[in-house]
Amino acid sequence: MNKKGKKTGGRTKGTKNKRTQEVIDILNELDCNPIEGLVNIAKIAMEKQDYALAGNMYKELSQYLFPKRKAVEVSNEVDFSMTTDDLTDFQKENLIKALQD
């Protein structure tokens, strides 16, 4: 980093790393398009009613169109050390209303 906090040297933004570019070059040399291959497998699997294979292919392809959902961790732990001093005025008002009902 330079004095202004900007990165100096290295790859320019958007440039593929060496390994990625090597794989792309090999696929191009072999005239191989993996996405096209997955689509072909999925179509043939559907024709043969192999829905498990077709589903796996479409699932694999869908990640290029839709972001994967991240798991959300839910905790049922309660912090009993909290006091009313930790609450905002709005939270205190809602607590009083809830206790009156």
Protein backbone atom coordinates (compact mmCIF):
# COMPACT_ATOMS: atom_id res chain seq x y z
CA MET A 1 0.00 0.00 0.00
CA ASN A 2 1.20 3.48 -0.72
CA LYS A 3 0.83 6.48 1.57
CA LYS A 4 -2.69 7.17 0.28
CA GLY A 5 -3.83 3.63 1.15
CA LYS A 6 -4.01 2.48 -2.46
CA LYS A 7 -2.63 -0.85 -3.65
CA THR A 8 0.49 -0.63 -5.77
CA GLY A 9 1.77 -3.30 -8.16
CA GLY A 10 0.23 -6.70 -8.84
CA ARG A 11 -2.54 -7.55 -11.28
CA THR A 12 -4.82 -4.84 -12.53
CA LYS A 13 -8.45 -5.18 -11.49
CA GLY A 14 -10.34 -7.70 -13.62
CA THR A 15 -7.25 -9.55 -14.84
CA LYS A 16 -7.52 -13.32 -14.38
CA ASN A 17 -4.86 -15.04 -12.30
CA LYS A 18 -2.31 -17.27 -14.05
CA ARG A 19 -3.96 -20.61 -13.19
CA THR A 20 -7.41 -19.45 -14.32
CA GLN A 21 -6.02 -18.17 -17.60
CA GLU A 22 -4.18 -21.49 -18.16
CA VAL A 23 -7.44 -23.43 -17.72
CA ILE A 24 -9.26 -21.09 -20.12
CA ASP A 25 -6.50 -21.49 -22.69
CA ILE A 26 -6.58 -25.31 -22.44
CA LEU A 27 -10.38 -25.39 -22.78
CA ASN A 28 -10.15 -23.13 -25.83
CA GLU A 29 -7.46 -25.34 -27.41
CA LEU A 30 -9.68 -28.39 -26.89
CA ASP A 31 -12.71 -26.50 -28.19
CA CYS A 32 -14.44 -27.42 -24.93
CA ASN A 33 -17.23 -25.37 -23.40
CA PRO A 34 -18.10 -26.85 -19.98
CA ILE A 35 -21.39 -24.94 -19.71
CA GLU A 36 -22.51 -26.22 -23.11
CA GLY A 37 -21.52 -29.73 -22.01
CA LEU A 38 -23.60 -29.51 -18.84
CA VAL A 39 -26.59 -28.28 -20.85
CA ASN A 40 -26.24 -31.18 -23.31
CA ILE A 41 -26.02 -33.72 -20.49
CA ALA A 42 -29.09 -32.21 -18.82
CA LYS A 43 -31.12 -32.33 -22.05
CA ILE A 44 -30.16 -35.94 -22.79
CA ALA A 45 -30.90 -36.93 -19.18
CA MET A 46 -34.36 -35.35 -19.45
CA GLU A 47 -35.04 -37.23 -22.70
CA LYS A 48 -34.05 -40.49 -20.96
CA GLN A 49 -36.13 -39.51 -17.92
CA ASP A 50 -33.03 -39.61 -15.74
CA TYR A 51 -34.36 -36.80 -13.56
CA ALA A 52 -31.69 -37.21 -10.88
CA LEU A 53 -28.89 -36.54 -13.35
CA ALA A 54 -30.84 -33.76 -15.08
CA GLY A 55 -31.55 -32.14 -11.72
CA ASN A 56 -27.89 -32.25 -10.78
CA MET A 57 -26.89 -30.66 -14.08
CA TYR A 58 -29.49 -27.90 -13.79
CA LYS A 59 -28.51 -27.33 -10.17
CA GLU A 60 -24.90 -26.96 -11.26
CA LEU A 61 -25.88 -24.55 -14.04
CA SER A 62 -28.17 -22.47 -11.85
CA GLN A 63 -25.28 -21.24 -9.73
CA TYR A 64 -24.18 -19.13 -12.70
CA LEU A 65 -27.55 -17.37 -12.79
CA PHE A 66 -28.55 -17.20 -9.13
CA PRO A 67 -26.35 -16.58 -6.10
CA LYS A 68 -26.13 -19.37 -3.56
CA ARG A 69 -28.05 -18.69 -0.38
CA LYS A 70 -25.98 -18.67 2.78
CA ALA A 71 -27.10 -20.60 5.80
CA VAL A 72 -28.26 -18.44 8.67
CA GLU A 73 -27.41 -19.56 12.16
CA VAL A 74 -30.24 -19.16 14.64
CA SER A 75 -29.54 -19.06 18.33
CA ASN A 76 -32.10 -19.50 21.07
CA GLU A 77 -29.75 -18.30 23.78
CA VAL A 78 -31.10 -15.56 26.02
CA ASP A 79 -28.87 -13.03 27.75
CA PHE A 80 -30.35 -12.81 31.26
CA SER A 81 -27.70 -10.32 32.34
CA MET A 82 -29.53 -7.57 30.46
CA THR A 83 -31.21 -4.90 32.55
CA THR A 84 -33.73 -2.20 31.70
CA ASP A 85 -30.80 0.23 31.60
CA ASP A 86 -29.68 -1.59 28.41
CA LEU A 87 -33.01 -0.85 26.66
CA THR A 88 -33.84 2.16 24.53
CA ASP A 89 -36.79 4.33 25.55
CA PHE A 90 -38.82 2.79 22.71
CA GLN A 91 -38.04 -0.73 23.96
CA LYS A 92 -38.96 0.24 27.52
CA GLU A 93 -42.32 1.61 26.37
CA ASN A 94 -43.07 -1.58 24.42
CA LEU A 95 -42.09 -3.72 27.40
CA ILE A 96 -44.41 -1.78 29.70
CA LYS A 97 -47.28 -2.12 27.19
CA ALA A 98 -46.63 -5.88 26.86
CA LEU A 99 -46.63 -6.36 30.62
CA GLN A 100 -49.91 -4.41 30.98
CA ASP A 101 -51.73 -6.61 28.43
